[in-house]
Amino acid sequence: AMIDAGADLVVGGHPHWVQGIQMHRRHLIVNCLGNFIFDMDFSQ
């Protein structure tokens, strides 16, 4: 819906893991880049 409304790119956060990339109308939806700085040192 965001791409249809005119967004050129979607870049999300919160899941704390990298997530997959979706394509919609040849535009990228990057669901999550993962933690950048965090103290969640309980998993790879």
Full PDB file with SEQRES, HELIX, SHEET, SSBOND, CRYST1, ORIGX, SCALE, CONECT and MASTER records, all heavy atoms in Angstrom:
SEQRES   1 A   44  ALA MET ILE ASP ALA GLY ALA ASP LEU VAL VAL GLY GLY          
SEQRES   2 A   44  HIS PRO HIS TRP VAL GLN GLY ILE GLN MET HIS ARG ARG          
SEQRES   3 A   44  HIS LEU ILE VAL ASN CYS LEU GLY ASN PHE ILE PHE ASP          
SEQRES   4 A   44  MET ASP PHE SER GLN                                          
HELIX    1 AA1 MET A    2  ALA A    5  1                                   4    
SHEET    1 AA1 3 LEU A   9  VAL A  11  0                                        
SHEET    2 AA1 3 HIS A  27  VAL A  30  1                                        
SHEET    3 AA1 3 ILE A  21  HIS A  24 -1                                        
CRYST1    1.000    1.000    1.000  90.00  90.00  90.00 P 1           1          
ORIGX1      1.000000  0.000000  0.000000        0.00000                         
ORIGX2      0.000000  1.000000  0.000000        0.00000                         
ORIGX3      0.000000  0.000000  1.000000        0.00000                         
SCALE1      1.000000  0.000000  0.000000        0.00000                         
SCALE2      0.000000  1.000000  0.000000        0.00000                         
SCALE3      0.000000  0.000000  1.000000        0.00000                         
ATOM      1  N   ALA A   1       0.829  -1.211   0.000  1.00  0.00           N  
ATOM      2  CA  ALA A   1       0.000   0.000   0.000  1.00  0.00           C  
ATOM      3  C   ALA A   1       0.859   1.254   0.000  1.00  0.00           C  
ATOM      4  O   ALA A   1       0.513   2.261  -0.656  1.00  0.00           O  
ATOM      5  CB  ALA A   1      -0.933  -0.011   1.206  1.00  0.00           C  
ATOM      6  N   MET A   2       1.981   1.230   0.718  1.00  0.00           N  
ATOM      7  CA  MET A   2       2.862   2.398   0.728  1.00  0.00           C  
ATOM      8  C   MET A   2       3.492   2.630  -0.643  1.00  0.00           C  
ATOM      9  O   MET A   2       3.599   3.777  -1.102  1.00  0.00           O  
ATOM     10  CB  MET A   2       3.936   2.219   1.801  1.00  0.00           C  
ATOM     11  CG  MET A   2       3.418   2.372   3.216  1.00  0.00           C  
ATOM     12  SD  MET A   2       4.734   2.430   4.465  1.00  0.00           S  
ATOM     13  CE  MET A   2       5.102   0.679   4.650  1.00  0.00           C  
ATOM     14  N   ILE A   3       3.908   1.556  -1.296  1.00  0.00           N  
ATOM     15  CA  ILE A   3       4.466   1.701  -2.646  1.00  0.00           C  
ATOM     16  C   ILE A   3       3.395   2.218  -3.600  1.00  0.00           C  
ATOM     17  O   ILE A   3       3.640   3.131  -4.407  1.00  0.00           O  
ATOM     18  CB  ILE A   3       5.044   0.367  -3.144  1.00  0.00           C  
ATOM     19  CG1 ILE A   3       6.192  -0.104  -2.237  1.00  0.00           C  
ATOM     20  CG2 ILE A   3       5.485   0.480  -4.592  1.00  0.00           C  
ATOM     21  CD1 ILE A   3       7.382   0.796  -2.184  1.00  0.00           C  
ATOM     22  N   ASP A   4       2.195   1.664  -3.534  1.00  0.00           N  
ATOM     23  CA  ASP A   4       1.108   2.121  -4.400  1.00  0.00           C  
ATOM     24  C   ASP A   4       0.791   3.595  -4.188  1.00  0.00           C  
ATOM     25  O   ASP A   4       0.382   4.298  -5.122  1.00  0.00           O  
ATOM     26  CB  ASP A   4      -0.154   1.284  -4.157  1.00  0.00           C  
ATOM     27  CG  ASP A   4      -0.033  -0.139  -4.675  1.00  0.00           C  
ATOM     28  OD1 ASP A   4       0.829  -0.386  -5.551  1.00  0.00           O  
ATOM     29  OD2 ASP A   4      -0.796  -1.010  -4.209  1.00  0.00           O  
ATOM     30  N   ALA A   5       0.979   4.079  -2.956  1.00  0.00           N  
ATOM     31  CA  ALA A   5       0.679   5.483  -2.649  1.00  0.00           C  
ATOM     32  C   ALA A   5       1.781   6.427  -3.108  1.00  0.00           C  
ATOM     33  O   ALA A   5       1.568   7.648  -3.127  1.00  0.00           O  
ATOM     34  CB  ALA A   5       0.456   5.651  -1.153  1.00  0.00           C  
ATOM     35  N   GLY A   6       2.948   5.895  -3.471  1.00  0.00           N  
ATOM     36  CA  GLY A   6       4.006   6.759  -3.981  1.00  0.00           C  
ATOM     37  C   GLY A   6       5.341   6.633  -3.281  1.00  0.00           C  
ATOM     38  O   GLY A   6       6.286   7.349  -3.631  1.00  0.00           O  
ATOM     39  N   ALA A   7       5.474   5.740  -2.299  1.00  0.00           N  
ATOM     40  CA  ALA A   7       6.777   5.527  -1.672  1.00  0.00           C  
ATOM     41  C   ALA A   7       7.710   4.845  -2.671  1.00  0.00           C  
ATOM     42  O   ALA A   7       7.307   3.937  -3.404  1.00  0.00           O  
ATOM     43  CB  ALA A   7       6.646   4.677  -0.416  1.00  0.00           C  
ATOM     44  N   ASP A   8       8.942   5.287  -2.709  1.00  0.00           N  
ATOM     45  CA  ASP A   8       9.935   4.680  -3.597  1.00  0.00           C  
ATOM     46  C   ASP A   8      10.654   3.511  -2.933  1.00  0.00           C  
ATOM     47  O   ASP A   8      11.192   2.643  -3.617  1.00  0.00           O  
ATOM     48  CB  ASP A   8      10.969   5.736  -4.009  1.00  0.00           C  
ATOM     49  CG  ASP A   8      10.338   6.856  -4.814  1.00  0.00           C  
ATOM     50  OD1 ASP A   8      10.042   6.619  -5.992  1.00  0.00           O  
ATOM     51  OD2 ASP A   8      10.117   7.943  -4.253  1.00  0.00           O  
ATOM     52  N   LEU A   9      10.645   3.494  -1.607  1.00  0.00           N  
ATOM     53  CA  LEU A   9      11.384   2.486  -0.861  1.00  0.00           C  
ATOM     54  C   LEU A   9      10.801   2.403   0.539  1.00  0.00           C  
ATOM     55  O   LEU A   9      10.401   3.418   1.118  1.00  0.00           O  
ATOM     56  CB  LEU A   9      12.857   2.894  -0.786  1.00  0.00           C  
ATOM     57  CG  LEU A   9      13.820   1.994  -0.027  1.00  0.00           C  
ATOM     58  CD1 LEU A   9      14.086   0.708  -0.800  1.00  0.00           C  
ATOM     59  CD2 LEU A   9      15.144   2.713   0.229  1.00  0.00           C  
ATOM     60  N   VAL A  10      10.757   1.184   1.093  1.00  0.00           N  
ATOM     61  CA  VAL A  10      10.321   0.960   2.475  1.00  0.00           C  
ATOM     62  C   VAL A  10      11.461   0.260   3.211  1.00  0.00           C  
ATOM     63  O   VAL A  10      11.981  -0.751   2.724  1.00  0.00           O  
ATOM     64  CB  VAL A  10       9.043   0.104   2.534  1.00  0.00           C  
ATOM     65  CG1 VAL A  10       8.666  -0.192   3.988  1.00  0.00           C  
ATOM     66  CG2 VAL A  10       7.892   0.786   1.798  1.00  0.00           C  
ATOM     67  N   VAL A  11      11.850   0.806   4.366  1.00  0.00           N  
ATOM     68  CA  VAL A  11      12.913   0.196   5.173  1.00  0.00           C  
ATOM     69  C   VAL A  11      12.421   0.124   6.611  1.00  0.00           C  
ATOM     70  O   VAL A  11      12.233   1.149   7.263  1.00  0.00           O  
ATOM     71  CB  VAL A  11      14.230   0.999   5.114  1.00  0.00           C  
ATOM     72  CG1 VAL A  11      15.330   0.229   5.844  1.00  0.00           C  
ATOM     73  CG2 VAL A  11      14.641   1.280   3.679  1.00  0.00           C  
ATOM     74  N   GLY A  12      12.219  -1.103   7.119  1.00  0.00           N  
ATOM     75  CA  GLY A  12      11.612  -1.288   8.424  1.00  0.00           C  
ATOM     76  C   GLY A  12      12.583  -1.705   9.510  1.00  0.00           C  
ATOM     77  O   GLY A  12      13.765  -1.965   9.268  1.00  0.00           O  
ATOM     78  N   GLY A  13      12.042  -1.763  10.741  1.00  0.00           N  
ATOM     79  CA  GLY A  13      12.799  -2.196  11.899  1.00  0.00           C  
ATOM     80  C   GLY A  13      11.882  -2.841  12.916  1.00  0.00           C  
ATOM     81  O   GLY A  13      10.677  -2.926  12.708  1.00  0.00           O  
ATOM     82  N   HIS A  14      12.438  -3.306  14.021  1.00  0.00           N  
ATOM     83  CA  HIS A  14      11.824  -3.876  15.212  1.00  0.00           C  
ATOM     84  C   HIS A  14      12.096  -5.363  15.415  1.00  0.00           C  
ATOM     85  O   HIS A  14      12.351  -5.771  16.560  1.00  0.00           O  
ATOM     86  CB  HIS A  14      10.310  -3.657  15.299  1.00  0.00           C  
ATOM     87  CG  HIS A  14       9.681  -4.425  16.436  1.00  0.00           C  
ATOM     88  ND1 HIS A  14       9.910  -4.109  17.759  1.00  0.00           N  
ATOM     89  CD2 HIS A  14       8.880  -5.546  16.455  1.00  0.00           C  
ATOM     90  CE1 HIS A  14       9.248  -4.973  18.538  1.00  0.00           C  
ATOM     91  NE2 HIS A  14       8.635  -5.854  17.779  1.00  0.00           N  
ATOM     92  N   PRO A  15      12.075  -6.240  14.398  1.00  0.00           N  
ATOM     93  CA  PRO A  15      12.194  -7.683  14.679  1.00  0.00           C  
ATOM     94  C   PRO A  15      13.518  -8.126  15.310  1.00  0.00           C  
ATOM     95  O   PRO A  15      13.612  -9.262  15.773  1.00  0.00           O  
ATOM     96  CB  PRO A  15      11.984  -8.319  13.301  1.00  0.00           C  
ATOM     97  CG  PRO A  15      11.047  -7.376  12.620  1.00  0.00           C  
ATOM     98  CD  PRO A  15      11.557  -6.016  13.028  1.00  0.00           C  
ATOM     99  N   HIS A  16      14.569  -7.289  15.265  1.00  0.00           N  
ATOM    100  CA  HIS A  16      15.868  -7.593  15.875  1.00  0.00           C  
ATOM    101  C   HIS A  16      16.668  -8.641  15.103  1.00  0.00           C  
ATOM    102  O   HIS A  16      17.795  -8.950  15.496  1.00  0.00           O  
ATOM    103  CB  HIS A  16      15.732  -8.011  17.350  1.00  0.00           C  
ATOM    104  CG  HIS A  16      15.056  -6.987  18.206  1.00  0.00           C  
ATOM    105  ND1 HIS A  16      15.577  -5.732  18.424  1.00  0.00           N  
ATOM    106  CD2 HIS A  16      13.871  -7.030  18.870  1.00  0.00           C  
ATOM    107  CE1 HIS A  16      14.756  -5.050  19.208  1.00  0.00           C  
ATOM    108  NE2 HIS A  16      13.713  -5.804  19.481  1.00  0.00           N  
ATOM    109  N   TRP A  17      16.121  -9.181  14.045  1.00  0.00           N  
ATOM    110  CA  TRP A  17      16.830 -10.020  13.093  1.00  0.00           C  
ATOM    111  C   TRP A  17      16.683  -9.372  11.714  1.00  0.00           C  
ATOM    112  O   TRP A  17      15.698  -8.653  11.464  1.00  0.00           O  
ATOM    113  CB  TRP A  17      16.214 -11.420  12.991  1.00  0.00           C  
ATOM    114  CG  TRP A  17      16.413 -12.339  14.140  1.00  0.00           C  
ATOM    115  CD1 TRP A  17      16.850 -12.041  15.401  1.00  0.00           C  
ATOM    116  CD2 TRP A  17      16.150 -13.751  14.141  1.00  0.00           C  
ATOM    117  NE1 TRP A  17      16.876 -13.163  16.181  1.00  0.00           N  
ATOM    118  CE2 TRP A  17      16.456 -14.224  15.444  1.00  0.00           C  
ATOM    119  CE3 TRP A  17      15.694 -14.648  13.173  1.00  0.00           C  
ATOM    120  CZ2 TRP A  17      16.316 -15.573  15.787  1.00  0.00           C  
ATOM    121  CZ3 TRP A  17      15.552 -15.987  13.520  1.00  0.00           C  
ATOM    122  CH2 TRP A  17      15.864 -16.443  14.803  1.00  0.00           C  
ATOM    123  N   VAL A  18      17.644  -9.643  10.834  1.00  0.00           N  
ATOM    124  CA  VAL A  18      17.430  -9.245   9.441  1.00  0.00           C  
ATOM    125  C   VAL A  18      16.233 -10.037   8.903  1.00  0.00           C  
ATOM    126  O   VAL A  18      16.047 -11.209   9.239  1.00  0.00           O  
ATOM    127  CB  VAL A  18      18.674  -9.496   8.566  1.00  0.00           C  
ATOM    128  CG1 VAL A  18      19.815  -8.593   8.987  1.00  0.00           C  
ATOM    129  CG2 VAL A  18      19.106 -10.952   8.594  1.00  0.00           C  
ATOM    130  N   GLN A  19      15.421  -9.368   8.110  1.00  0.00           N  
ATOM    131  CA  GLN A  19      14.281 -10.031   7.479  1.00  0.00           C  
ATOM    132  C   GLN A  19      14.395  -9.942   5.965  1.00  0.00           C  
ATOM    133  O   GLN A  19      15.231  -9.217   5.423  1.00  0.00           O  
ATOM    134  CB  GLN A  19      12.973  -9.402   7.949  1.00  0.00           C  
ATOM    135  CG  GLN A  19      12.601  -9.746   9.374  1.00  0.00           C  
ATOM    136  CD  GLN A  19      11.137  -9.489   9.685  1.00  0.00           C  
ATOM    137  OE1 GLN A  19      10.489  -8.616   9.110  1.00  0.00           O  
ATOM    138  NE2 GLN A  19      10.602 -10.262  10.621  1.00  0.00           N  
ATOM    139  N   GLY A  20      13.518 -10.699   5.294  1.00  0.00           N  
ATOM    140  CA  GLY A  20      13.567 -10.770   3.845  1.00  0.00           C  
ATOM    141  C   GLY A  20      13.152  -9.472   3.170  1.00  0.00           C  
ATOM    142  O   GLY A  20      12.555  -8.577   3.758  1.00  0.00           O  
ATOM    143  N   ILE A  21      13.480  -9.406   1.880  1.00  0.00           N  
ATOM    144  CA  ILE A  21      13.160  -8.257   1.031  1.00  0.00           C  
ATOM    145  C   ILE A  21      12.023  -8.650   0.095  1.00  0.00           C  
ATOM    146  O   ILE A  21      12.097  -9.689  -0.577  1.00  0.00           O  
ATOM    147  CB  ILE A  21      14.379  -7.833   0.201  1.00  0.00           C  
ATOM    148  CG1 ILE A  21      15.558  -7.513   1.116  1.00  0.00           C  
ATOM    149  CG2 ILE A  21      14.039  -6.644  -0.691  1.00  0.00           C  
ATOM    150  CD1 ILE A  21      16.863  -7.415   0.378  1.00  0.00           C  
ATOM    151  N   GLN A  22      10.996  -7.841   0.070  1.00  0.00           N  
ATOM    152  CA  GLN A  22       9.903  -8.061  -0.872  1.00  0.00           C  
ATOM    153  C   GLN A  22       9.998  -7.054  -2.019  1.00  0.00           C  
ATOM    154  O   GLN A  22      10.607  -5.994  -1.879  1.00  0.00           O  
ATOM    155  CB  GLN A  22       8.542  -7.921  -0.179  1.00  0.00           C  
ATOM    156  CG  GLN A  22       8.040  -9.222   0.435  1.00  0.00           C  
ATOM    157  CD  GLN A  22       8.915  -9.719   1.558  1.00  0.00           C  
ATOM    158  OE1 GLN A  22       9.090  -9.043   2.567  1.00  0.00           O  
ATOM    159  NE2 GLN A  22       9.479 -10.899   1.390  1.00  0.00           N  
ATOM    160  N   MET A  23       9.396  -7.424  -3.139  1.00  0.00           N  
ATOM    161  CA  MET A  23       9.328  -6.541  -4.310  1.00  0.00           C  
ATOM    162  C   MET A  23       7.869  -6.253  -4.614  1.00  0.00           C  
ATOM    163  O   MET A  23       7.035  -7.164  -4.600  1.00  0.00           O  
ATOM    164  CB  MET A  23       9.973  -7.204  -5.529  1.00  0.00           C  
ATOM    165  CG  MET A  23      11.464  -7.457  -5.397  1.00  0.00           C  
ATOM    166  SD  MET A  23      12.432  -5.950  -5.502  1.00  0.00           S  
ATOM    167  CE  MET A  23      12.150  -5.484  -7.226  1.00  0.00           C  
ATOM    168  N   HIS A  24       7.577  -4.993  -4.881  1.00  0.00           N  
ATOM    169  CA  HIS A  24       6.240  -4.613  -5.311  1.00  0.00           C  
ATOM    170  C   HIS A  24       6.379  -3.530  -6.365  1.00  0.00           C  
ATOM    171  O   HIS A  24       6.935  -2.476  -6.106  1.00  0.00           O  
ATOM    172  CB  HIS A  24       5.407  -4.101  -4.130  1.00  0.00           C  
ATOM    173  CG  HIS A  24       3.990  -3.757  -4.494  1.00  0.00           C  
ATOM    174  ND1 HIS A  24       3.071  -4.712  -4.877  1.00  0.00           N  
ATOM    175  CD2 HIS A  24       3.336  -2.566  -4.561  1.00  0.00           C  
ATOM    176  CE1 HIS A  24       1.916  -4.133  -5.143  1.00  0.00           C  
ATOM    177  NE2 HIS A  24       2.057  -2.826  -4.965  1.00  0.00           N  
ATOM    178  N   ARG A  25       5.906  -3.857  -7.555  1.00  0.00           N  
ATOM    179  CA  ARG A  25       6.010  -2.924  -8.680  1.00  0.00           C  
ATOM    180  C   ARG A  25       7.450  -2.454  -8.869  1.00  0.00           C  
ATOM    181  O   ARG A  25       7.720  -1.280  -9.087  1.00  0.00           O  
ATOM    182  CB  ARG A  25       5.071  -1.733  -8.477  1.00  0.00           C  
ATOM    183  CG  ARG A  25       3.589  -2.113  -8.510  1.00  0.00           C  
ATOM    184  CD  ARG A  25       2.689  -0.961  -8.153  1.00  0.00           C  
ATOM    185  NE  ARG A  25       3.008   0.223  -8.919  1.00  0.00           N  
ATOM    186  CZ  ARG A  25       2.579   1.461  -8.630  1.00  0.00           C  
ATOM    187  NH1 ARG A  25       1.826   1.654  -7.558  1.00  0.00           N  
ATOM    188  NH2 ARG A  25       2.908   2.475  -9.370  1.00  0.00           N  
ATOM    189  N   ARG A  26       8.387  -3.401  -8.740  1.00  0.00           N  
ATOM    190  CA  ARG A  26       9.824  -3.165  -8.935  1.00  0.00           C  
ATOM    191  C   ARG A  26      10.427  -2.243  -7.885  1.00  0.00           C  
ATOM    192  O   ARG A  26      11.524  -1.713  -8.054  1.00  0.00           O  
ATOM    193  CB  ARG A  26      10.113  -2.611 -10.330  1.00  0.00           C  
ATOM    194  CG  ARG A  26       9.613  -3.466 -11.480  1.00  0.00           C  
ATOM    195  CD  ARG A  26      10.449  -4.673 -11.711  1.00  0.00           C  
ATOM    196  NE  ARG A  26      11.773  -4.369 -12.236  1.00  0.00           N  
ATOM    197  CZ  ARG A  26      12.719  -5.287 -12.420  1.00  0.00           C  
ATOM    198  NH1 ARG A  26      12.474  -6.550 -12.096  1.00  0.00           N  
ATOM    199  NH2 ARG A  26      13.893  -4.950 -12.891  1.00  0.00           N  
ATOM    200  N   HIS A  27       9.732  -2.038  -6.765  1.00  0.00           N  
ATOM    201  CA  HIS A  27      10.254  -1.259  -5.648  1.00  0.00           C  
ATOM    202  C   HIS A  27      10.576  -2.199  -4.489  1.00  0.00           C  
ATOM    203  O   HIS A  27       9.909  -3.218  -4.287  1.00  0.00           O  
ATOM    204  CB  HIS A  27       9.242  -0.206  -5.188  1.00  0.00           C  
ATOM    205  CG  HIS A  27       9.020   0.886  -6.183  1.00  0.00           C  
ATOM    206  ND1 HIS A  27       9.785   2.031  -6.217  1.00  0.00           N  
ATOM    207  CD2 HIS A  27       8.116   1.017  -7.185  1.00  0.00           C  
ATOM    208  CE1 HIS A  27       9.359   2.825  -7.193  1.00  0.00           C  
ATOM    209  NE2 HIS A  27       8.352   2.223  -7.799  1.00  0.00           N  
ATOM    210  N   LEU A  28      11.570  -1.826  -3.685  1.00  0.00           N  
ATOM    211  CA  LEU A  28      12.032  -2.669  -2.592  1.00  0.00           C  
ATOM    212  C   LEU A  28      11.276  -2.381  -1.297  1.00  0.00           C  
ATOM    213  O   LEU A  28      11.056  -1.220  -0.931  1.00  0.00           O  
ATOM    214  CB  LEU A  28      13.519  -2.445  -2.322  1.00  0.00           C  
ATOM    215  CG  LEU A  28      14.511  -2.613  -3.472  1.00  0.00           C  
ATOM    216  CD1 LEU A  28      15.939  -2.482  -2.939  1.00  0.00           C  
ATOM    217  CD2 LEU A  28      14.331  -3.936  -4.174  1.00  0.00           C  
ATOM    218  N   ILE A  29      10.914  -3.451  -0.602  1.00  0.00           N  
ATOM    219  CA  ILE A  29      10.393  -3.380   0.764  1.00  0.00           C  
ATOM    220  C   ILE A  29      11.372  -4.182   1.619  1.00  0.00           C  
ATOM    221  O   ILE A  29      11.371  -5.416   1.613  1.00  0.00           O  
ATOM    222  CB  ILE A  29       8.970  -3.948   0.864  1.00  0.00           C  
ATOM    223  CG1 ILE A  29       8.020  -3.175  -0.058  1.00  0.00           C  
ATOM    224  CG2 ILE A  29       8.478  -3.904   2.314  1.00  0.00           C  
ATOM    225  CD1 ILE A  29       6.677  -3.841  -0.261  1.00  0.00           C  
ATOM    226  N   VAL A  30      12.249  -3.466   2.314  1.00  0.00           N  
ATOM    227  CA  VAL A  30      13.270  -4.086   3.160  1.00  0.00           C  
ATOM    228  C   VAL A  30      12.663  -4.158   4.560  1.00  0.00           C  
ATOM    229  O   VAL A  30      12.591  -3.164   5.270  1.00  0.00           O  
ATOM    230  CB  VAL A  30      14.571  -3.264   3.152  1.00  0.00           C  
ATOM    231  CG1 VAL A  30      15.644  -3.956   3.976  1.00  0.00           C  
ATOM    232  CG2 VAL A  30      15.056  -3.047   1.716  1.00  0.00           C  
ATOM    233  N   ASN A  31      12.253  -5.337   4.966  1.00  0.00           N  
ATOM    234  CA  ASN A  31      11.429  -5.457   6.168  1.00  0.00           C  
ATOM    235  C   ASN A  31      12.163  -5.149   7.458  1.00  0.00           C  
ATOM    236  O   ASN A  31      11.592  -4.561   8.378  1.00  0.00           O  
ATOM    237  CB  ASN A  31      10.809  -6.850   6.226  1.00  0.00           C  
ATOM    238  CG  ASN A  31       9.655  -6.989   5.265  1.00  0.00           C  
ATOM    239  OD1 ASN A  31       8.583  -6.462   5.494  1.00  0.00           O  
ATOM    240  ND2 ASN A  31       9.882  -7.691   4.156  1.00  0.00           N  
ATOM    241  N   CYS A  32      13.425  -5.540   7.561  1.00  0.00           N  
ATOM    242  CA  CYS A  32      14.186  -5.231   8.779  1.00  0.00           C  
ATOM    243  C   CYS A  32      15.674  -5.390   8.505  1.00  0.00           C  
ATOM    244  O   CYS A  32      16.091  -6.402   7.932  1.00  0.00           O  
ATOM    245  CB  CYS A  32      13.767  -6.122   9.939  1.00  0.00           C  
ATOM    246  SG  CYS A  32      14.592  -5.699  11.507  1.00  0.00           S  
ATOM    247  N   LEU A  33      16.465  -4.407   8.957  1.00  0.00           N  
ATOM    248  CA  LEU A  33      17.916  -4.443   8.804  1.00  0.00           C  
ATOM    249  C   LEU A  33      18.607  -5.092   9.996  1.00  0.00           C  
ATOM    250  O   LEU A  33      19.823  -5.262   9.982  1.00  0.00           O  
ATOM    251  CB  LEU A  33      18.458  -3.020   8.628  1.00  0.00           C  
ATOM    252  CG  LEU A  33      17.966  -2.257   7.399  1.00  0.00           C  
ATOM    253  CD1 LEU A  33      18.447  -0.815   7.447  1.00  0.00           C  
ATOM    254  CD2 LEU A  33      18.428  -2.930   6.118  1.00  0.00           C  
ATOM    255  N   GLY A  34      17.832  -5.437  11.038  1.00  0.00           N  
ATOM    256  CA  GLY A  34      18.415  -6.019  12.244  1.00  0.00           C  
ATOM    257  C   GLY A  34      18.850  -4.949  13.231  1.00  0.00           C  
ATOM    258  O   GLY A  34      18.723  -3.747  12.990  1.00  0.00           O  
ATOM    259  N   ASN A  35      19.345  -5.390  14.380  1.00  0.00           N  
ATOM    260  CA  ASN A  35      19.894  -4.458  15.360  1.00  0.00           C  
ATOM    261  C   ASN A  35      21.145  -3.796  14.800  1.00  0.00           C  
ATOM    262  O   ASN A  35      21.973  -4.466  14.171  1.00  0.00           O  
ATOM    263  CB  ASN A  35      20.284  -5.191  16.648  1.00  0.00           C  
ATOM    264  CG  ASN A  35      19.088  -5.698  17.420  1.00  0.00           C  
ATOM    265  OD1 ASN A  35      18.012  -5.120  17.372  1.00  0.00           O  
ATOM    266  ND2 ASN A  35      19.279  -6.791  18.154  1.00  0.00           N  
ATOM    267  N   PHE A  36      21.293  -2.500  15.058  1.00  0.00           N  
ATOM    268  CA  PHE A  36      22.546  -1.832  14.711  1.00  0.00           C  
ATOM    269  C   PHE A  36      23.431  -1.709  15.950  1.00  0.00           C  
ATOM    270  O   PHE A  36      24.583  -2.122  15.951  1.00  0.00           O  
ATOM    271  CB  PHE A  36      22.283  -0.459  14.098  1.00  0.00           C  
ATOM    272  CG  PHE A  36      23.541   0.218  13.610  1.00  0.00           C  
ATOM    273  CD1 PHE A  36      24.322  -0.375  12.627  1.00  0.00           C  
ATOM    274  CD2 PHE A  36      23.969   1.424  14.155  1.00  0.00           C  
ATOM    275  CE1 PHE A  36      25.504   0.218  12.198  1.00  0.00           C  
ATOM    276  CE2 PHE A  36      25.144   2.031  13.722  1.00  0.00           C  
ATOM    277  CZ  PHE A  36      25.912   1.422  12.738  1.00  0.00           C  
ATOM    278  N   ILE A  37      22.885  -1.151  17.005  1.00  0.00           N  
ATOM    279  CA  ILE A  37      23.571  -1.134  18.299  1.00  0.00           C  
ATOM    280  C   ILE A  37      22.559  -1.589  19.345  1.00  0.00           C  
ATOM    281  O   ILE A  37      21.505  -0.963  19.500  1.00  0.00           O  
ATOM    282  CB  ILE A  37      24.121   0.256  18.649  1.00  0.00           C  
ATOM    283  CG1 ILE A  37      25.175   0.697  17.629  1.00  0.00           C  
ATOM    284  CG2 ILE A  37      24.711   0.257  20.066  1.00  0.00           C  
ATOM    285  CD1 ILE A  37      25.644   2.132  17.810  1.00  0.00           C  
ATOM    286  N   PHE A  38      22.870  -2.692  20.036  1.00  0.00           N  
ATOM    287  CA  PHE A  38      21.946  -3.236  21.037  1.00  0.00           C  
ATOM    288  C   PHE A  38      22.741  -4.142  21.965  1.00  0.00           C  
ATOM    289  O   PHE A  38      23.852  -4.577  21.628  1.00  0.00           O  
ATOM    290  CB  PHE A  38      20.821  -4.035  20.371  1.00  0.00           C  
ATOM    291  CG  PHE A  38      19.436  -3.565  20.722  1.00  0.00           C  
ATOM    292  CD1 PHE A  38      18.689  -2.850  19.807  1.00  0.00           C  
ATOM    293  CD2 PHE A  38      18.891  -3.837  21.966  1.00  0.00           C  
ATOM    294  CE1 PHE A  38      17.406  -2.401  20.120  1.00  0.00           C  
ATOM    295  CE2 PHE A  38      17.611  -3.393  22.290  1.00  0.00           C  
ATOM    296  CZ  PHE A  38      16.871  -2.673  21.366  1.00  0.00           C  
ATOM    297  N   ASP A  39      22.156  -4.444  23.135  1.00  0.00           N  
ATOM    298  CA  ASP A  39      22.818  -5.361  24.064  1.00  0.00           C  
ATOM    299  C   ASP A  39      22.125  -6.725  24.111  1.00  0.00           C  
ATOM    300  O   ASP A  39      22.160  -7.415  25.117  1.00  0.00           O  
ATOM    301  CB  ASP A  39      22.903  -4.748  25.464  1.00  0.00           C  
ATOM    302  CG  ASP A  39      21.541  -4.382  26.036  1.00  0.00           C  
ATOM    303  OD1 ASP A  39      20.515  -4.596  25.357  1.00  0.00           O  
ATOM    304  OD2 ASP A  39      21.494  -3.872  27.174  1.00  0.00           O  
ATOM    305  N   MET A  40      21.543  -7.123  22.992  1.00  0.00           N  
ATOM    306  CA  MET A  40      20.907  -8.442  22.881  1.00  0.00           C  
ATOM    307  C   MET A  40      21.968  -9.470  22.475  1.00  0.00           C  
ATOM    308  O   MET A  40      22.012  -9.924  21.325  1.00  0.00           O  
ATOM    309  CB  MET A  40      19.783  -8.406  21.848  1.00  0.00           C  
ATOM    310  CG  MET A  40      18.576  -7.613  22.270  1.00  0.00           C  
ATOM    311  SD  MET A  40      17.285  -7.699  20.995  1.00  0.00           S  
ATOM    312  CE  MET A  40      15.913  -6.940  21.859  1.00  0.00           C  
ATOM    313  N   ASP A  41      22.819  -9.857  23.434  1.00  0.00           N  
ATOM    314  CA  ASP A  41      23.916 -10.748  23.105  1.00  0.00           C  
ATOM    315  C   ASP A  41      23.602 -12.200  23.439  1.00  0.00           C  
ATOM    316  O   ASP A  41      24.469 -12.962  23.855  1.00  0.00           O  
ATOM    317  CB  ASP A  41      25.195 -10.292  23.815  1.00  0.00           C  
ATOM    318  CG  ASP A  41      24.991 -10.034  25.302  1.00  0.00           C  
ATOM    319  OD1 ASP A  41      23.871 -10.269  25.808  1.00  0.00           O  
ATOM    320  OD2 ASP A  41      25.951  -9.594  25.960  1.00  0.00           O  
ATOM    321  N   PHE A  42      22.329 -12.583  23.228  1.00  0.00           N  
ATOM    322  CA  PHE A  42      21.921 -13.948  23.550  1.00  0.00           C  
ATOM    323  C   PHE A  42      21.773 -14.845  22.331  1.00  0.00           C  
ATOM    324  O   PHE A  42      21.432 -16.018  22.470  1.00  0.00           O  
ATOM    325  CB  PHE A  42      20.608 -13.949  24.341  1.00  0.00           C  
ATOM    326  CG  PHE A  42      19.495 -13.132  23.726  1.00  0.00           C  
ATOM    327  CD1 PHE A  42      18.764 -13.591  22.647  1.00  0.00           C  
ATOM    328  CD2 PHE A  42      19.192 -11.882  24.248  1.00  0.00           C  
ATOM    329  CE1 PHE A  42      17.738 -12.841  22.098  1.00  0.00           C  
ATOM    330  CE2 PHE A  42      18.163 -11.122  23.707  1.00  0.00           C  
ATOM    331  CZ  PHE A  42      17.437 -11.604  22.628  1.00  0.00           C  
ATOM    332  N   SER A  43      22.020 -14.318  21.119  1.00  0.00           N  
ATOM    333  CA  SER A  43      21.950 -15.167  19.926  1.00  0.00           C  
ATOM    334  C   SER A  43      22.763 -14.537  18.813  1.00  0.00           C  
ATOM    335  O   SER A  43      23.027 -13.331  18.814  1.00  0.00           O  
ATOM    336  CB  SER A  43      20.505 -15.360  19.461  1.00  0.00           C  
ATOM    337  OG  SER A  43      20.024 -14.206  18.808  1.00  0.00           O  
ATOM    338  N   GLN A  44      23.162 -15.374  17.866  1.00  0.00           N  
ATOM    339  CA  GLN A  44      23.927 -14.868  16.728  1.00  0.00           C  
ATOM    340  C   GLN A  44      23.107 -13.874  15.917  1.00  0.00           C  
ATOM    341  O   GLN A  44      23.612 -12.833  15.488  1.00  0.00           O  
ATOM    342  CB  GLN A  44      24.368 -16.024  15.836  1.00  0.00           C  
ATOM    343  CG  GLN A  44      25.323 -15.603  14.719  1.00  0.00           C  
ATOM    344  CD  GLN A  44      25.796 -16.777  13.898  1.00  0.00           C  
ATOM    345  OE1 GLN A  44      25.057 -17.334  13.089  1.00  0.00           O  
ATOM    346  NE2 GLN A  44      27.051 -17.171  14.101  1.00  0.00           N  
TER     347      GLN A  44                                                      
MASTER        0    0    0    1    3    0    0    6  346    1    0    4          
END                                                                             
